[in-house]
PDB file of N, CA and C in Angstrom:
ATOM      1  N   MET A   1     -17.738  14.097  -2.354  1.00  0.00           N
ATOM      2  CA  MET A   1     -18.014  12.604  -2.604  1.00  0.00           C
ATOM      3  C   MET A   1     -17.213  12.052  -3.437  1.00  0.00           C
ATOM      4  N   PHE A   2     -17.131  12.618  -4.745  1.00  0.00           N
ATOM      5  CA  PHE A   2     -16.264  12.072  -5.766  1.00  0.00           C
ATOM      6  C   PHE A   2     -14.952  12.164  -5.545  1.00  0.00           C
ATOM      7  N   PHE A   3     -14.410  13.273  -4.781  1.00  0.00           N
ATOM      8  CA  PHE A   3     -13.002  13.435  -4.166  1.00  0.00           C
ATOM      9  C   PHE A   3     -12.653  12.520  -3.320  1.00  0.00           C
ATOM     10  N   ARG A   4     -13.578  11.985  -2.311  1.00  0.00           N
ATOM     11  CA  ARG A   4     -13.113  10.850  -1.505  1.00  0.00           C
ATOM     12  C   ARG A   4     -12.996   9.487  -2.411  1.00  0.00           C
ATOM     13  N   ALA A   5     -13.958   9.252  -3.197  1.00  0.00           N
ATOM     14  CA  ALA A   5     -14.005   8.012  -3.904  1.00  0.00           C
ATOM     15  C   ALA A   5     -12.767   8.055  -4.816  1.00  0.00           C
ATOM     16  N   PHE A   6     -12.124   9.182  -5.550  1.00  0.00           N
ATOM     17  CA  PHE A   6     -10.991   9.171  -6.100  1.00  0.00           C
ATOM     18  C   PHE A   6      -9.868   8.666  -5.307  1.00  0.00           C
ATOM     19  N   TRP A   7      -9.637   9.305  -4.068  1.00  0.00           N
ATOM     20  CA  TRP A   7      -8.577   8.931  -3.150  1.00  0.00           C
ATOM     21  C   TRP A   7      -8.783   7.443  -2.824  1.00  0.00           C
ATOM     22  N   LEU A   8      -9.867   7.169  -2.520  1.00  0.00           N
ATOM     23  CA  LEU A   8     -10.020   5.511  -2.139  1.00  0.00           C
ATOM     24  C   LEU A   8      -9.541   4.685  -3.217  1.00  0.00           C
ATOM     25  N   LEU A   9     -10.026   4.996  -4.432  1.00  0.00           N
ATOM     26  CA  LEU A   9      -9.593   4.182  -5.587  1.00  0.00           C
ATOM     27  C   LEU A   9      -7.793   4.114  -5.855  1.00  0.00           C
ATOM     28  N   THR A  10      -7.533   5.365  -5.826  1.00  0.00           N
ATOM     29  CA  THR A  10      -5.957   5.659  -5.760  1.00  0.00           C
ATOM     30  C   THR A  10      -5.426   4.910  -4.734  1.00  0.00           C
ATOM     31  N   GLY A  11      -5.579   5.020  -3.662  1.00  0.00           N
ATOM     32  CA  GLY A  11      -5.093   4.332  -2.562  1.00  0.00           C
ATOM     33  C   GLY A  11      -5.170   2.895  -2.801  1.00  0.00           C
ATOM     34  N   PHE A  12      -6.331   2.295  -3.310  1.00  0.00           N
ATOM     35  CA  PHE A  12      -6.385   0.995  -3.433  1.00  0.00           C
ATOM     36  C   PHE A  12      -5.441   0.389  -4.657  1.00  0.00           C
ATOM     37  N   GLY A  13      -5.379   1.271  -5.660  1.00  0.00           N
ATOM     38  CA  GLY A  13      -4.527   0.893  -6.775  1.00  0.00           C
ATOM     39  C   GLY A  13      -2.906   0.780  -6.267  1.00  0.00           C
ATOM     40  N   VAL A  14      -2.618   2.014  -5.411  1.00  0.00           N
ATOM     41  CA  VAL A  14      -1.358   1.922  -4.985  1.00  0.00           C
ATOM     42  C   VAL A  14      -1.048   0.680  -4.027  1.00  0.00           C
ATOM     43  N   SER A  15      -1.850   0.429  -3.166  1.00  0.00           N
ATOM     44  CA  SER A  15      -1.642  -0.631  -2.274  1.00  0.00           C
ATOM     45  C   SER A  15      -1.678  -1.962  -2.868  1.00  0.00           C
ATOM     46  N   VAL A  16      -2.205  -2.180  -4.001  1.00  0.00           N
ATOM     47  CA  VAL A  16      -2.132  -3.444  -4.785  1.00  0.00           C
ATOM     48  C   VAL A  16      -0.931  -3.506  -5.526  1.00  0.00           C
ATOM     49  N   SER A  17      -0.320  -2.540  -6.056  1.00  0.00           N
ATOM     50  CA  SER A  17       0.815  -2.386  -6.772  1.00  0.00           C
ATOM     51  C   SER A  17       1.929  -2.832  -5.615  1.00  0.00           C
ATOM     52  N   GLY A  18       1.962  -2.064  -4.457  1.00  0.00           N
ATOM     53  CA  GLY A  18       2.982  -2.587  -3.622  1.00  0.00           C
ATOM     54  C   GLY A  18       2.658  -4.076  -3.064  1.00  0.00           C
ATOM     55  N   GLY A  19       1.466  -4.351  -2.568  1.00  0.00           N
ATOM     56  CA  GLY A  19       1.193  -5.787  -2.169  1.00  0.00           C
ATOM     57  C   GLY A  19       1.701  -6.886  -3.319  1.00  0.00           C
ATOM     58  N   VAL A  20       1.706  -6.568  -4.489  1.00  0.00           N
ATOM     59  CA  VAL A  20       1.970  -7.435  -5.597  1.00  0.00           C
ATOM     60  C   VAL A  20       3.552  -7.521  -5.480  1.00  0.00           C
ATOM     61  N   SER A  21       4.255  -6.573  -5.320  1.00  0.00           N
ATOM     62  CA  SER A  21       5.653  -6.546  -5.310  1.00  0.00           C
ATOM     63  C   SER A  21       6.097  -7.155  -4.018  1.00  0.00           C
ATOM     64  N   VAL A  22       5.463  -7.083  -2.830  1.00  0.00           N
ATOM     65  CA  VAL A  22       5.817  -7.960  -1.480  1.00  0.00           C
ATOM     66  C   VAL A  22       5.525  -9.355  -1.651  1.00  0.00           C
ATOM     67  N   ILE A  23       4.452  -9.754  -2.317  1.00  0.00           N
ATOM     68  CA  ILE A  23       4.244 -11.076  -2.403  1.00  0.00           C
ATOM     69  C   ILE A  23       5.107 -11.770  -3.580  1.00  0.00           C
ATOM     70  N   GLY A  24       5.546 -10.979  -4.659  1.00  0.00           N
ATOM     71  CA  GLY A  24       6.284 -11.502  -5.451  1.00  0.00           C
ATOM     72  C   GLY A  24       7.719 -11.667  -5.048  1.00  0.00           C
ATOM     73  N   TYR A  25       8.289 -11.037  -4.075  1.00  0.00           N
ATOM     74  CA  TYR A  25       9.437 -11.088  -3.518  1.00  0.00           C
ATOM     75  C   TYR A  25       9.375 -12.180  -2.447  1.00  0.00           C
ATOM     76  N   LEU A  26       8.363 -12.673  -2.249  1.00  0.00           N
ATOM     77  CA  LEU A  26       8.366 -13.917  -1.265  1.00  0.00           C
ATOM     78  C   LEU A  26       9.060 -15.170  -2.001  1.00  0.00           C
ATOM     79  N   ASN A  27       9.300 -15.254  -3.173  1.00  0.00           N
ATOM     80  CA  ASN A  27       9.979 -16.225  -3.872  1.00  0.00           C
ATOM     81  C   ASN A  27      11.324 -16.309  -3.259  1.00  0.00           C
ATOM     82  N   LEU A  28      11.953 -15.236  -2.860  1.00  0.00           N
ATOM     83  CA  LEU A  28      13.133 -15.308  -2.162  1.00  0.00           C
ATOM     84  C   LEU A  28      13.452 -16.367  -1.128  1.00  0.00           C
ATOM     85  N   LEU A  29      12.299 -16.690  -0.569  1.00  0.00           N
ATOM     86  CA  LEU A  29      12.317 -17.580   0.499  1.00  0.00           C
ATOM     87  C   LEU A  29      12.583 -19.021   0.002  1.00  0.00           C
ATOM     88  N   THR A  30      11.947 -19.254  -1.148  1.00  0.00           N
ATOM     89  CA  THR A  30      12.152 -20.568  -1.808  1.00  0.00           C
ATOM     90  C   THR A  30      13.463 -20.953  -2.315  1.00  0.00           C
ATOM     91  N   THR A  31      14.221 -19.741  -2.446  1.00  0.00           N
ATOM     92  CA  THR A  31      15.740 -19.994  -3.049  1.00  0.00           C
ATOM     93  C   THR A  31      16.708 -19.967  -1.910  1.00  0.00           C
ATOM     94  N   GLY A  32      16.182 -20.110  -0.592  1.00  0.00           N
ATOM     95  CA  GLY A  32      17.065 -20.395   0.539  1.00  0.00           C
ATOM     96  C   GLY A  32      17.393 -19.306   1.453  1.00  0.00           C
ATOM     97  N   HIS A  33      16.823 -18.155   1.184  1.00  0.00           N
ATOM     98  CA  HIS A  33      17.037 -17.039   1.994  1.00  0.00           C
ATOM     99  C   HIS A  33      16.172 -16.863   3.345  1.00  0.00           C
ATOM    100  N   THR A  34      16.668 -16.508   4.406  1.00  0.00           N
ATOM    101  CA  THR A  34      15.739 -16.271   5.664  1.00  0.00           C
ATOM    102  C   THR A  34      14.975 -15.330   5.686  1.00  0.00           C
ATOM    103  N   PHE A  35      13.847 -15.499   6.451  1.00  0.00           N
ATOM    104  CA  PHE A  35      12.905 -14.312   6.509  1.00  0.00           C
ATOM    105  C   PHE A  35      13.355 -13.080   6.976  1.00  0.00           C
ATOM    106  N   LYS A  36      14.519 -13.155   7.872  1.00  0.00           N
ATOM    107  CA  LYS A  36      15.132 -11.859   8.196  1.00  0.00           C
ATOM    108  C   LYS A  36      15.933 -11.239   6.923  1.00  0.00           C
ATOM    109  N   GLU A  37      16.521 -12.095   6.085  1.00  0.00           N
ATOM    110  CA  GLU A  37      16.873 -11.638   4.884  1.00  0.00           C
ATOM    111  C   GLU A  37      15.942 -10.973   3.883  1.00  0.00           C
ATOM    112  N   TYR A  38      14.886 -11.797   3.835  1.00  0.00           N
ATOM    113  CA  TYR A  38      13.823 -11.275   2.975  1.00  0.00           C
ATOM    114  C   TYR A  38      13.260  -9.793   3.588  1.00  0.00           C
ATOM    115  N   TRP A  39      12.923  -9.866   4.873  1.00  0.00           N
ATOM    116  CA  TRP A  39      12.706  -8.470   5.304  1.00  0.00           C
ATOM    117  C   TRP A  39      13.712  -7.397   5.141  1.00  0.00           C
ATOM    118  N   ASN A  40      14.761  -7.754   5.366  1.00  0.00           N
ATOM    119  CA  ASN A  40      16.028  -6.674   5.044  1.00  0.00           C
ATOM    120  C   ASN A  40      15.805  -6.220   3.782  1.00  0.00           C
ATOM    121  N   PHE A  41      15.614  -7.160   2.667  1.00  0.00           N
ATOM    122  CA  PHE A  41      15.571  -6.789   1.242  1.00  0.00           C
ATOM    123  C   PHE A  41      14.466  -5.927   0.901  1.00  0.00           C
ATOM    124  N   ILE A  42      13.260  -6.283   1.443  1.00  0.00           N
ATOM    125  CA  ILE A  42      11.936  -5.579   0.999  1.00  0.00           C
ATOM    126  C   ILE A  42      11.975  -4.212   1.711  1.00  0.00           C
ATOM    127  N   THR A  43      12.781  -4.097   2.730  1.00  0.00           N
ATOM    128  CA  THR A  43      12.798  -2.612   3.592  1.00  0.00           C
ATOM    129  C   THR A  43      13.607  -1.702   2.527  1.00  0.00           C
ATOM    130  N   TYR A  44      14.371  -2.089   1.537  1.00  0.00           N
ATOM    131  CA  TYR A  44      15.243  -1.324   0.895  1.00  0.00           C
ATOM    132  C   TYR A  44      14.584  -1.110  -0.808  1.00  0.00           C
ATOM    133  N   ARG A  45      13.565  -1.682  -0.902  1.00  0.00           N
ATOM    134  CA  ARG A  45      13.013  -1.797  -2.212  1.00  0.00           C
ATOM    135  C   ARG A  45      11.867  -0.745  -2.052  1.00  0.00           C
ATOM    136  N   PRO A  46      12.035   0.363  -3.136  1.00  0.00           N
ATOM    137  CA  PRO A  46      11.021   1.498  -3.090  1.00  0.00           C
ATOM    138  C   PRO A  46       9.767   1.087  -3.648  1.00  0.00           C
ATOM    139  N   GLU A  47       9.526   0.075  -4.229  1.00  0.00           N
ATOM    140  CA  GLU A  47       8.087  -0.200  -4.608  1.00  0.00           C
ATOM    141  C   GLU A  47       7.480  -1.077  -3.647  1.00  0.00           C
ATOM    142  N   CYS A  48       8.033  -1.552  -2.566  1.00  0.00           N
ATOM    143  CA  CYS A  48       7.624  -2.124  -1.510  1.00  0.00           C
ATOM    144  C   CYS A  48       6.825  -1.253  -0.356  1.00  0.00           C
ATOM    145  N   TYR A  49       7.437   0.154  -0.559  1.00  0.00           N
ATOM    146  CA  TYR A  49       6.731   1.154   0.190  1.00  0.00           C
ATOM    147  C   TYR A  49       5.413   1.561  -0.290  1.00  0.00           C
ATOM    148  N   LEU A  50       4.912   1.097  -1.335  1.00  0.00           N
ATOM    149  CA  LEU A  50       3.688   1.531  -1.883  1.00  0.00           C
ATOM    150  C   LEU A  50       2.496   0.884  -1.031  1.00  0.00           C
ATOM    151  N   LEU A  51       2.844  -0.259  -0.600  1.00  0.00           N
ATOM    152  CA  LEU A  51       1.848  -1.084   0.138  1.00  0.00           C
ATOM    153  C   LEU A  51       1.332  -0.151   1.389  1.00  0.00           C
ATOM    154  N   PRO A  52       2.241   0.294   2.383  1.00  0.00           N
ATOM    155  CA  PRO A  52       1.743   1.110   3.497  1.00  0.00           C
ATOM    156  C   PRO A  52       1.411   2.522   3.061  1.00  0.00           C
ATOM    157  N   ILE A  53       1.800   3.009   2.050  1.00  0.00           N
ATOM    158  CA  ILE A  53       1.486   4.440   1.367  1.00  0.00           C
ATOM    159  C   ILE A  53      -0.250   4.093   0.966  1.00  0.00           C
ATOM    160  N   GLY A  54      -0.443   3.280   0.315  1.00  0.00           N
ATOM    161  CA  GLY A  54      -1.744   2.918  -0.216  1.00  0.00           C
ATOM    162  C   GLY A  54      -2.768   2.681   0.892  1.00  0.00           C
ATOM    163  N   ILE A  55      -2.359   2.005   1.894  1.00  0.00           N
ATOM    164  CA  ILE A  55      -3.232   1.678   2.996  1.00  0.00           C
ATOM    165  C   ILE A  55      -3.366   2.973   3.925  1.00  0.00           C
ATOM    166  N   PHE A  56      -2.472   3.955   3.961  1.00  0.00           N
ATOM    167  CA  PHE A  56      -2.593   5.107   4.503  1.00  0.00           C
ATOM    168  C   PHE A  56      -3.648   6.144   3.946  1.00  0.00           C
ATOM    169  N   ILE A  57      -3.390   6.085   2.583  1.00  0.00           N
ATOM    170  CA  ILE A  57      -4.373   6.838   1.701  1.00  0.00           C
ATOM    171  C   ILE A  57      -5.739   6.312   1.816  1.00  0.00           C
ATOM    172  N   ILE A  58      -6.032   5.053   1.835  1.00  0.00           N
ATOM    173  CA  ILE A  58      -7.292   4.394   1.994  1.00  0.00           C
ATOM    174  C   ILE A  58      -7.902   4.783   3.145  1.00  0.00           C
ATOM    175  N   THR A  59      -7.133   4.798   4.409  1.00  0.00           N
ATOM    176  CA  THR A  59      -7.278   5.181   5.704  1.00  0.00           C
ATOM    177  C   THR A  59      -7.921   6.633   5.785  1.00  0.00           C
ATOM    178  N   MET A  60      -7.143   7.500   5.214  1.00  0.00           N
ATOM    179  CA  MET A  60      -7.546   8.888   5.426  1.00  0.00           C
ATOM    180  C   MET A  60      -8.587   9.335   4.845  1.00  0.00           C
ATOM    181  N   SER A  61      -8.851   8.500   3.310  1.00  0.00           N
ATOM    182  CA  SER A  61     -10.135   8.690   2.611  1.00  0.00           C
ATOM    183  C   SER A  61     -11.518   8.301   3.208  1.00  0.00           C
ATOM    184  N   ILE A  62     -11.418   7.375   4.042  1.00  0.00           N
ATOM    185  CA  ILE A  62     -12.368   6.940   4.952  1.00  0.00           C
ATOM    186  C   ILE A  62     -12.747   7.613   6.212  1.00  0.00           C
ATOM    187  N   TYR A  63     -11.692   7.907   6.921  1.00  0.00           N
ATOM    188  CA  TYR A  63     -11.873   8.330   8.318  1.00  0.00           C
ATOM    189  C   TYR A  63     -11.624   9.807   8.508  1.00  0.00           C
ATOM    190  N   LEU A  64     -11.276  10.546   7.583  1.00  0.00           N
ATOM    191  CA  LEU A  64     -11.097  12.121   7.717  1.00  0.00           C
ATOM    192  C   LEU A  64     -12.550  12.677   7.770  1.00  0.00           C
ATOM    193  N   PRO A  65     -12.742  13.556   8.321  1.00  0.00           N
ATOM    194  CA  PRO A  65     -14.018  14.222   8.662  1.00  0.00           C
ATOM    195  C   PRO A  65     -14.604  14.709   7.289  1.00  0.00           C
ATOM    196  N   TYR A  66     -15.768  14.336   7.086  1.00  0.00           N
ATOM    197  CA  TYR A  66     -16.636  14.935   5.645  1.00  0.00           C
ATOM    198  C   TYR A  66     -17.078  16.311   5.930  1.00  0.00           C
ATOM    199  N   SER A  67     -16.625  17.116   5.031  1.00  0.00           N
ATOM    200  CA  SER A  67     -17.172  18.400   5.194  1.00  0.00           C
ATOM    201  C   SER A  67     -18.118  18.496   3.867  1.00  0.00           C
ATOM    202  N   ASN A  68     -19.394  18.995   3.984  1.00  0.00           N
ATOM    203  CA  ASN A  68     -20.267  19.203   2.994  1.00  0.00           C
ATOM    204  C   ASN A  68     -20.615  20.563   2.717  1.00  0.00           C
ATOM    205  N   GLU A  69     -20.105  21.282   1.722  1.00  0.00           N
ATOM    206  CA  GLU A  69     -20.294  22.710   1.562  1.00  0.00           C
ATOM    207  C   GLU A  69     -21.666  22.999   1.191  1.00  0.00           C
ATOM    208  N   ASP A  70     -22.376  22.079   0.822  1.00  0.00           N
ATOM    209  CA  ASP A  70     -23.988  22.430   0.223  1.00  0.00           C
ATOM    210  C   ASP A  70     -24.924  22.543   1.311  1.00  0.00           C
ATOM    211  N   ASP A  71     -24.475  22.246   2.622  1.00  0.00           N
ATOM    212  CA  ASP A  71     -25.598  22.189   3.763  1.00  0.00           C
ATOM    213  C   ASP A  71     -25.732  23.723   3.986  1.00  0.00           C
TER     214      ASP A  71
END
């Protein structure tokens, strides 16, 4: 139970870090860049990869089968 909670909170923290980066880089749109240029920019930034990685960790911590060895 605590192992799953640890991974859930870790995934949440990682996805928040990546999400903040993605949202922060939205300021490029106000400087005259197109959405295509923005998308190309964030696909090459390593900190933006934290958002999908964090979502994947959260999903796995919720949906992977739970095995209770105390039964």
